Amino acid sequence: MIVQICVGSSCHLKGSEEIVRLLQEAVEEHHLENDVTLAGSFCTGMCNRFGVTVTVDDEVISGVTKESFKEFFNEKILKPIKAGGV
């Protein structure tokens, strides 16, 4: 699974650095280092009024915040991996 975090200027201002940190910690905590590749990307054109844009494989999710991170991680990363959908 490839997870790309937008680090373009808009997402940077909305906290992409914090989302990167949370993703790194969550991947390590769940021992997913061999299942998840984290990468940065520039603007995907899905800028939102709040939150960061994250692409999981081919799905673009906008509006990820530190408050919504746990739900995002569980639904878009952990659940598919546990279901064998990597």
Protein backbone atom coordinates (compact mmCIF):
# COMPACT_ATOMS: atom_id res chain seq x y z
CA MET A 1 0.00 0.00 0.00
CA ILE A 2 1.35 3.41 -0.97
CA VAL A 3 0.30 6.37 1.16
CA GLN A 4 1.20 9.80 -0.20
CA ILE A 5 0.83 12.86 2.00
CA CYS A 6 0.51 16.21 0.27
CA VAL A 7 3.28 18.54 1.44
CA GLY A 8 2.39 21.37 -0.93
CA SER A 9 2.07 24.87 0.48
CA SER A 10 -1.66 24.69 1.27
CA CYS A 11 -1.48 21.30 3.02
CA HIS A 12 1.73 22.31 4.75
CA LEU A 13 -0.11 25.26 6.29
CA LYS A 14 -2.95 22.91 7.29
CA GLY A 15 -0.66 20.56 9.20
CA SER A 16 0.82 18.01 6.80
CA GLU A 17 3.93 17.76 8.98
CA GLU A 18 1.74 16.57 11.88
CA ILE A 19 -0.08 14.05 9.64
CA VAL A 20 3.27 12.67 8.44
CA ARG A 21 4.37 12.24 12.07
CA LEU A 22 1.09 10.56 13.03
CA LEU A 23 1.33 8.19 10.05
CA GLN A 24 4.92 7.26 10.86
CA GLU A 25 3.98 6.53 14.47
CA ALA A 26 0.85 4.53 13.54
CA VAL A 27 2.69 2.43 10.94
CA GLU A 28 5.38 1.63 13.50
CA GLU A 29 2.89 0.96 16.31
CA HIS A 30 0.98 -1.55 14.16
CA HIS A 31 4.17 -3.08 12.69
CA LEU A 32 3.16 -2.22 9.13
CA GLU A 33 6.61 -1.19 7.90
CA ASN A 34 6.57 -3.98 5.29
CA ASP A 35 3.00 -3.23 4.18
CA VAL A 36 2.89 0.56 3.93
CA THR A 37 5.15 2.89 1.97
CA LEU A 38 4.90 6.52 3.05
CA ALA A 39 5.76 9.22 0.53
CA GLY A 40 5.32 12.94 0.11
CA SER A 41 3.60 14.51 -2.85
CA PHE A 42 2.86 17.98 -4.07
CA CYS A 43 -0.58 19.40 -4.77
CA THR A 44 -3.11 16.89 -6.05
CA GLY A 45 -5.60 19.63 -6.84
CA MET A 46 -7.96 18.50 -4.09
CA CYS A 47 -7.36 21.39 -1.71
CA ASN A 48 -9.98 21.65 0.99
CA ARG A 49 -10.81 24.41 3.42
CA PHE A 50 -9.39 22.33 6.22
CA GLY A 51 -7.13 19.34 6.59
CA VAL A 52 -4.51 17.62 4.51
CA THR A 53 -4.93 15.61 1.31
CA VAL A 54 -3.68 12.02 1.52
CA THR A 55 -3.68 9.51 -1.33
CA VAL A 56 -3.97 5.84 -0.39
CA ASP A 57 -3.04 3.81 -3.45
CA ASP A 58 -5.37 5.47 -6.00
CA GLU A 59 -7.94 6.96 -3.59
CA VAL A 60 -7.58 10.65 -2.80
CA ILE A 61 -8.86 11.65 0.63
CA SER A 62 -9.02 15.34 1.49
CA GLY A 63 -9.56 16.94 4.87
CA VAL A 64 -7.42 14.68 7.08
CA THR A 65 -6.74 16.42 10.39
CA LYS A 66 -5.11 15.29 13.62
CA GLU A 67 -8.63 15.04 15.05
CA SER A 68 -9.85 12.78 12.23
CA PHE A 69 -6.57 10.89 11.86
CA LYS A 70 -7.46 7.82 13.92
CA GLU A 71 -10.67 7.19 11.96
CA PHE A 72 -8.85 7.80 8.66
CA PHE A 73 -6.03 5.39 9.59
CA ASN A 74 -8.38 2.67 10.80
CA GLU A 75 -10.71 2.83 7.78
CA LYS A 76 -8.32 3.55 4.91
CA ILE A 77 -5.12 1.79 5.99
CA LEU A 78 -5.57 -0.69 8.84
CA LYS A 79 -8.88 -2.22 7.77
CA PRO A 80 -7.82 -2.98 4.17
CA ILE A 81 -4.51 -4.47 5.32
CA LYS A 82 -6.21 -6.70 7.88
CA ALA A 83 -8.71 -7.76 5.22
CA GLY A 84 -5.84 -8.75 2.94
CA GLY A 85 -6.58 -6.02 0.47
CA VAL A 86 -3.00 -4.76 0.17
